[in-house]
Amino acid sequence: MSPDALGWIASAVFLARLVPQPMKLRRTGLPEGLSPMAAMNGVISDVGWVLYGFSAALVPVWAVSVASLVPTVATLVLLLVTTRRVPRPDLVGSGIWLLSVAMAWQLGALVTVLGLSVVVNHGPQVVAAVRERDLRGISTTTYLLAIADAVLWGAYGLAVRDPALLAYGGVLIAASGVILARIWWTRRTPAVLAYAN
């Protein structure tokens, strides 16, 4: 398979991964378990990936990043509407991430910073999933698709020798695994099951 074909398949899976979360949030109105910082950082990172894709002439990267802004922004808006508050540490953390991406763009180090974007995007969600007992707001489908997303973008990164995409794949697999394990574990807890019914 050509690298371009692999990149387009990875792009489709990435976009598919982003759709279930805002759909679930809109359908249920349940923000339980979701991290506002992860949502804000996702929007910031998508903008960073657009800039990187253009500068590196990687059409699949910038094209999918532009398209991903729609579900990513939708998730953030729905989360803000349902929670009606963003903890100050989340605002500060996302502000630091925005400043880091902007500085990296200006210094020509965007690829290095974007290698960390998957940690910055999914790290807060992992922390929320580990800390909280009620994870009903998290879409399981999102994180099942994230595993396929990670494998495909990692393979694309290998094909085009891109360290940022390789890092993305490895970290996303680990983060998704932790989140899925916590969803499974919390659903086994009788108190959460009783509350969910």
C-alpha atoms as a PDB file:
ATOM      1  CA  MET A   1       0.000   0.000   0.000  1.00  0.00           C
ATOM      2  CA  SER A   2       1.313   3.437  -0.867  1.00  0.00           C
ATOM      3  CA  PRO A   3       1.996   5.922   1.932  1.00  0.00           C
ATOM      4  CA  ASP A   4      -0.598   8.310   0.479  1.00  0.00           C
ATOM      5  CA  ALA A   5      -3.311   5.635   0.515  1.00  0.00           C
ATOM      6  CA  LEU A   6      -2.378   4.717   4.082  1.00  0.00           C
ATOM      7  CA  GLY A   7      -2.513   8.385   5.061  1.00  0.00           C
ATOM      8  CA  TRP A   8      -6.014   8.788   3.639  1.00  0.00           C
ATOM      9  CA  ILE A   9      -7.264   5.628   5.374  1.00  0.00           C
ATOM     10  CA  ALA A  10      -5.743   6.850   8.650  1.00  0.00           C
ATOM     11  CA  SER A  11      -7.422  10.193   8.071  1.00  0.00           C
ATOM     12  CA  ALA A  12     -10.837   8.582   7.646  1.00  0.00           C
ATOM     13  CA  VAL A  13     -10.434   6.535  10.834  1.00  0.00           C
ATOM     14  CA  PHE A  14      -9.215   9.584  12.752  1.00  0.00           C
ATOM     15  CA  LEU A  15     -12.283  11.561  11.682  1.00  0.00           C
ATOM     16  CA  ALA A  16     -14.578   8.628  12.468  1.00  0.00           C
ATOM     17  CA  ARG A  17     -13.057   8.495  15.970  1.00  0.00           C
ATOM     18  CA  LEU A  18     -14.010  12.102  16.659  1.00  0.00           C
ATOM     19  CA  VAL A  19     -17.709  11.744  15.825  1.00  0.00           C
ATOM     20  CA  PRO A  20     -19.079   9.454  18.600  1.00  0.00           C
ATOM     21  CA  GLN A  21     -18.096  11.721  21.526  1.00  0.00           C
ATOM     22  CA  PRO A  22     -20.039  14.859  20.515  1.00  0.00           C
ATOM     23  CA  MET A  23     -22.940  12.652  19.391  1.00  0.00           C
ATOM     24  CA  LYS A  24     -23.097  10.958  22.793  1.00  0.00           C
ATOM     25  CA  LEU A  25     -22.747  14.261  24.616  1.00  0.00           C
ATOM     26  CA  ARG A  26     -25.548  15.795  22.545  1.00  0.00           C
ATOM     27  CA  ARG A  27     -27.784  12.734  22.936  1.00  0.00           C
ATOM     28  CA  THR A  28     -27.301  12.203  26.680  1.00  0.00           C
ATOM     29  CA  GLY A  29     -26.212  15.594  28.009  1.00  0.00           C
ATOM     30  CA  LEU A  30     -23.927  13.685  30.385  1.00  0.00           C
ATOM     31  CA  PRO A  31     -20.475  15.256  30.807  1.00  0.00           C
ATOM     32  CA  GLU A  32     -19.474  12.811  33.572  1.00  0.00           C
ATOM     33  CA  GLY A  33     -15.908  11.658  33.157  1.00  0.00           C
ATOM     34  CA  LEU A  34     -15.022  14.117  30.393  1.00  0.00           C
ATOM     35  CA  SER A  35     -12.088  16.484  30.793  1.00  0.00           C
ATOM     36  CA  PRO A  36     -12.605  20.117  29.706  1.00  0.00           C
ATOM     37  CA  MET A  37      -8.815  20.523  29.433  1.00  0.00           C
ATOM     38  CA  ALA A  38      -8.596  17.574  27.044  1.00  0.00           C
ATOM     39  CA  ALA A  39     -11.327  19.112  24.872  1.00  0.00           C
ATOM     40  CA  MET A  40      -9.676  22.549  24.796  1.00  0.00           C
ATOM     41  CA  ASN A  41      -6.251  21.058  24.101  1.00  0.00           C
ATOM     42  CA  GLY A  42      -7.733  19.022  21.241  1.00  0.00           C
ATOM     43  CA  VAL A  43      -8.888  22.162  19.448  1.00  0.00           C
ATOM     44  CA  ILE A  44      -5.504  23.837  19.955  1.00  0.00           C
ATOM     45  CA  SER A  45      -3.657  20.756  18.702  1.00  0.00           C
ATOM     46  CA  ASP A  46      -5.839  20.450  15.607  1.00  0.00           C
ATOM     47  CA  VAL A  47      -4.831  23.975  14.646  1.00  0.00           C
ATOM     48  CA  GLY A  48      -1.178  23.022  15.255  1.00  0.00           C
ATOM     49  CA  TRP A  49      -1.493  19.927  13.047  1.00  0.00           C
ATOM     50  CA  VAL A  50      -3.011  22.062  10.274  1.00  0.00           C
ATOM     51  CA  LEU A  51       0.021  24.369  10.419  1.00  0.00           C
ATOM     52  CA  TYR A  52       2.453  21.442  10.524  1.00  0.00           C
ATOM     53  CA  GLY A  53       0.740  19.614   7.649  1.00  0.00           C
ATOM     54  CA  PHE A  54       0.955  22.706   5.448  1.00  0.00           C
ATOM     55  CA  SER A  55       4.582  23.401   6.330  1.00  0.00           C
ATOM     56  CA  ALA A  56       5.672  19.767   5.777  1.00  0.00           C
ATOM     57  CA  ALA A  57       3.527  19.413   2.615  1.00  0.00           C
ATOM     58  CA  LEU A  58       1.708  16.392   4.091  1.00  0.00           C
ATOM     59  CA  VAL A  59      -1.722  16.726   2.498  1.00  0.00           C
ATOM     60  CA  PRO A  60      -3.397  13.969   4.574  1.00  0.00           C
ATOM     61  CA  VAL A  61      -2.211  15.618   7.787  1.00  0.00           C
ATOM     62  CA  TRP A  62      -3.474  19.129   7.099  1.00  0.00           C
ATOM     63  CA  ALA A  63      -6.660  18.041   5.297  1.00  0.00           C
ATOM     64  CA  VAL A  64      -7.826  15.772   8.093  1.00  0.00           C
ATOM     65  CA  SER A  65      -6.851  18.337  10.717  1.00  0.00           C
ATOM     66  CA  VAL A  66      -9.024  20.985   9.078  1.00  0.00           C
ATOM     67  CA  ALA A  67     -11.950  18.539   8.929  1.00  0.00           C
ATOM     68  CA  SER A  68     -11.389  17.425  12.518  1.00  0.00           C
ATOM     69  CA  LEU A  69     -11.959  20.924  13.822  1.00  0.00           C
ATOM     70  CA  VAL A  70     -15.726  20.456  13.311  1.00  0.00           C
ATOM     71  CA  PRO A  71     -16.273  17.524  15.737  1.00  0.00           C
ATOM     72  CA  THR A  72     -13.514  18.718  18.076  1.00  0.00           C
ATOM     73  CA  VAL A  73     -15.051  22.176  18.434  1.00  0.00           C
ATOM     74  CA  ALA A  74     -18.528  20.582  18.724  1.00  0.00           C
ATOM     75  CA  THR A  75     -17.309  18.423  21.625  1.00  0.00           C
ATOM     76  CA  LEU A  76     -15.811  21.438  23.374  1.00  0.00           C
ATOM     77  CA  VAL A  77     -18.931  23.584  22.925  1.00  0.00           C
ATOM     78  CA  LEU A  78     -21.287  20.805  24.078  1.00  0.00           C
ATOM     79  CA  LEU A  79     -19.077  20.095  27.067  1.00  0.00           C
ATOM     80  CA  LEU A  80     -18.990  23.765  28.047  1.00  0.00           C
ATOM     81  CA  VAL A  81     -22.771  24.013  27.685  1.00  0.00           C
ATOM     82  CA  THR A  82     -23.436  20.904  29.789  1.00  0.00           C
ATOM     83  CA  THR A  83     -20.869  21.592  32.530  1.00  0.00           C
ATOM     84  CA  ARG A  84     -21.287  25.404  32.579  1.00  0.00           C
ATOM     85  CA  ARG A  85     -17.907  25.680  34.258  1.00  0.00           C
ATOM     86  CA  VAL A  86     -14.287  25.099  33.446  1.00  0.00           C
ATOM     87  CA  PRO A  87     -11.954  24.580  36.387  1.00  0.00           C
ATOM     88  CA  ARG A  88      -9.246  27.234  36.599  1.00  0.00           C
ATOM     89  CA  PRO A  89      -6.427  24.617  36.369  1.00  0.00           C
ATOM     90  CA  ASP A  90      -7.926  23.441  33.064  1.00  0.00           C
ATOM     91  CA  LEU A  91      -7.922  26.989  31.695  1.00  0.00           C
ATOM     92  CA  VAL A  92      -4.333  27.526  32.824  1.00  0.00           C
ATOM     93  CA  GLY A  93      -3.191  24.175  31.393  1.00  0.00           C
ATOM     94  CA  SER A  94      -4.809  24.851  28.036  1.00  0.00           C
ATOM     95  CA  GLY A  95      -3.416  28.392  28.008  1.00  0.00           C
ATOM     96  CA  ILE A  96       0.081  26.991  28.503  1.00  0.00           C
ATOM     97  CA  TRP A  97      -0.511  24.523  25.656  1.00  0.00           C
ATOM     98  CA  LEU A  98      -1.692  27.306  23.345  1.00  0.00           C
ATOM     99  CA  LEU A  99       1.389  29.366  24.167  1.00  0.00           C
ATOM    100  CA  SER A 100       3.659  26.339  23.600  1.00  0.00           C
ATOM    101  CA  VAL A 101       2.183  25.610  20.158  1.00  0.00           C
ATOM    102  CA  ALA A 102       2.413  29.273  19.137  1.00  0.00           C
ATOM    103  CA  MET A 103       6.037  29.548  20.291  1.00  0.00           C
ATOM    104  CA  ALA A 104       6.990  26.266  18.592  1.00  0.00           C
ATOM    105  CA  TRP A 105       5.462  27.492  15.327  1.00  0.00           C
ATOM    106  CA  GLN A 106       7.507  30.689  15.520  1.00  0.00           C
ATOM    107  CA  LEU A 107      10.721  28.829  16.419  1.00  0.00           C
ATOM    108  CA  GLY A 108      10.355  26.146  13.736  1.00  0.00           C
ATOM    109  CA  ALA A 109       9.974  23.416  16.369  1.00  0.00           C
ATOM    110  CA  LEU A 110       6.334  22.548  15.752  1.00  0.00           C
ATOM    111  CA  VAL A 111       7.077  18.908  14.887  1.00  0.00           C
ATOM    112  CA  THR A 112       8.692  18.396  18.296  1.00  0.00           C
ATOM    113  CA  VAL A 113       5.821  19.973  20.204  1.00  0.00           C
ATOM    114  CA  LEU A 114       3.182  18.137  18.174  1.00  0.00           C
ATOM    115  CA  GLY A 115       4.886  14.888  19.100  1.00  0.00           C
ATOM    116  CA  LEU A 116       3.696  15.752  22.608  1.00  0.00           C
ATOM    117  CA  SER A 117       0.196  16.802  21.528  1.00  0.00           C
ATOM    118  CA  VAL A 118      -1.262  13.357  21.990  1.00  0.00           C
ATOM    119  CA  VAL A 119      -0.030  13.391  25.609  1.00  0.00           C
ATOM    120  CA  VAL A 120      -1.394  16.903  26.167  1.00  0.00           C
ATOM    121  CA  ASN A 121      -4.723  16.037  24.510  1.00  0.00           C
ATOM    122  CA  HIS A 122      -5.306  12.642  26.071  1.00  0.00           C
ATOM    123  CA  GLY A 123      -3.347  12.955  29.310  1.00  0.00           C
ATOM    124  CA  PRO A 124      -6.039  15.068  31.011  1.00  0.00           C
ATOM    125  CA  GLN A 125      -8.693  12.583  29.857  1.00  0.00           C
ATOM    126  CA  VAL A 126      -6.669   9.683  31.243  1.00  0.00           C
ATOM    127  CA  VAL A 127      -6.317  11.529  34.562  1.00  0.00           C
ATOM    128  CA  ALA A 128     -10.078  12.223  34.651  1.00  0.00           C
ATOM    129  CA  ALA A 129     -10.861   8.591  33.804  1.00  0.00           C
ATOM    130  CA  VAL A 130      -8.571   7.354  36.576  1.00  0.00           C
ATOM    131  CA  ARG A 131      -9.779   9.844  39.210  1.00  0.00           C
ATOM    132  CA  GLU A 132     -13.513   9.803  38.581  1.00  0.00           C
ATOM    133  CA  ARG A 133     -15.915   6.993  39.361  1.00  0.00           C
ATOM    134  CA  ASP A 134     -18.678   8.003  36.958  1.00  0.00           C
ATOM    135  CA  LEU A 135     -17.514   7.826  33.347  1.00  0.00           C
ATOM    136  CA  ARG A 136     -20.928   7.654  31.671  1.00  0.00           C
ATOM    137  CA  GLY A 137     -20.156  10.693  29.524  1.00  0.00           C
ATOM    138  CA  ILE A 138     -17.178   9.063  27.792  1.00  0.00           C
ATOM    139  CA  SER A 139     -17.893   7.394  24.452  1.00  0.00           C
ATOM    140  CA  THR A 140     -16.469   3.862  24.404  1.00  0.00           C
ATOM    141  CA  THR A 141     -16.683   3.843  20.598  1.00  0.00           C
ATOM    142  CA  THR A 142     -14.385   6.865  20.454  1.00  0.00           C
ATOM    143  CA  TYR A 143     -11.606   4.986  22.240  1.00  0.00           C
ATOM    144  CA  LEU A 144     -12.097   1.722  20.351  1.00  0.00           C
ATOM    145  CA  LEU A 145     -11.692   3.685  17.124  1.00  0.00           C
ATOM    146  CA  ALA A 146      -8.714   5.504  18.683  1.00  0.00           C
ATOM    147  CA  ILE A 147      -6.782   2.241  18.769  1.00  0.00           C
ATOM    148  CA  ALA A 148      -7.279   1.752  15.019  1.00  0.00           C
ATOM    149  CA  ASP A 149      -6.460   5.440  14.509  1.00  0.00           C
ATOM    150  CA  ALA A 150      -3.194   5.056  16.424  1.00  0.00           C
ATOM    151  CA  VAL A 151      -2.106   1.959  14.512  1.00  0.00           C
ATOM    152  CA  LEU A 152      -2.819   3.516  11.110  1.00  0.00           C
ATOM    153  CA  TRP A 153      -1.178   6.904  11.814  1.00  0.00           C
ATOM    154  CA  GLY A 154       1.785   5.116  13.364  1.00  0.00           C
ATOM    155  CA  ALA A 155       2.145   3.045  10.187  1.00  0.00           C
ATOM    156  CA  TYR A 156       1.861   6.192   8.059  1.00  0.00           C
ATOM    157  CA  GLY A 157       4.480   7.884  10.220  1.00  0.00           C
ATOM    158  CA  LEU A 158       6.775   4.905   9.687  1.00  0.00           C
ATOM    159  CA  ALA A 159       6.195   5.030   5.920  1.00  0.00           C
ATOM    160  CA  VAL A 160       7.018   8.754   5.663  1.00  0.00           C
ATOM    161  CA  ARG A 161       9.630   8.648   8.476  1.00  0.00           C
ATOM    162  CA  ASP A 162       7.819  11.174  10.624  1.00  0.00           C
ATOM    163  CA  PRO A 163       8.645  11.046  14.352  1.00  0.00           C
ATOM    164  CA  ALA A 164       5.619  13.118  15.407  1.00  0.00           C
ATOM    165  CA  LEU A 165       3.210  10.633  13.844  1.00  0.00           C
ATOM    166  CA  LEU A 166       5.059   7.650  15.346  1.00  0.00           C
ATOM    167  CA  ALA A 167       4.836   9.223  18.802  1.00  0.00           C
ATOM    168  CA  TYR A 168       1.160   9.963  18.241  1.00  0.00           C
ATOM    169  CA  GLY A 169       0.436   6.308  17.496  1.00  0.00           C
ATOM    170  CA  GLY A 170       2.264   4.920  20.508  1.00  0.00           C
ATOM    171  CA  VAL A 171       0.859   7.331  23.061  1.00  0.00           C
ATOM    172  CA  LEU A 172      -2.705   7.122  21.726  1.00  0.00           C
ATOM    173  CA  ILE A 173      -2.705   3.324  22.051  1.00  0.00           C
ATOM    174  CA  ALA A 174      -1.583   3.574  25.679  1.00  0.00           C
ATOM    175  CA  ALA A 175      -4.053   6.355  26.572  1.00  0.00           C
ATOM    176  CA  SER A 176      -6.958   4.581  24.893  1.00  0.00           C
ATOM    177  CA  GLY A 177      -6.120   1.355  26.680  1.00  0.00           C
ATOM    178  CA  VAL A 178      -6.191   3.053  30.090  1.00  0.00           C
ATOM    179  CA  ILE A 179      -9.449   4.875  29.350  1.00  0.00           C
ATOM    180  CA  LEU A 180     -11.171   1.735  28.036  1.00  0.00           C
ATOM    181  CA  ALA A 181      -9.974  -0.269  31.046  1.00  0.00           C
ATOM    182  CA  ARG A 182     -11.368   2.375  33.404  1.00  0.00           C
ATOM    183  CA  ILE A 183     -14.700   2.492  31.558  1.00  0.00           C
ATOM    184  CA  TRP A 184     -14.944  -1.279  31.825  1.00  0.00           C
ATOM    185  CA  TRP A 185     -13.961  -1.212  35.505  1.00  0.00           C
ATOM    186  CA  THR A 186     -16.366   1.557  36.513  1.00  0.00           C
ATOM    187  CA  ARG A 187     -19.257  -0.131  34.738  1.00  0.00           C
ATOM    188  CA  ARG A 188     -18.652  -3.151  36.933  1.00  0.00           C
ATOM    189  CA  THR A 189     -19.057  -1.028  40.074  1.00  0.00           C
ATOM    190  CA  PRO A 190     -22.582  -1.553  41.508  1.00  0.00           C
ATOM    191  CA  ALA A 191     -23.022   2.074  42.654  1.00  0.00           C
ATOM    192  CA  VAL A 192     -22.365   3.423  39.175  1.00  0.00           C
ATOM    193  CA  LEU A 193     -24.560   0.746  37.578  1.00  0.00           C
ATOM    194  CA  ALA A 194     -27.436   1.586  39.902  1.00  0.00           C
ATOM    195  CA  TYR A 195     -27.010   5.292  39.216  1.00  0.00           C
ATOM    196  CA  ALA A 196     -26.831   4.689  35.459  1.00  0.00           C
ATOM    197  CA  ASN A 197     -30.192   2.874  35.441  1.00  0.00           C
END
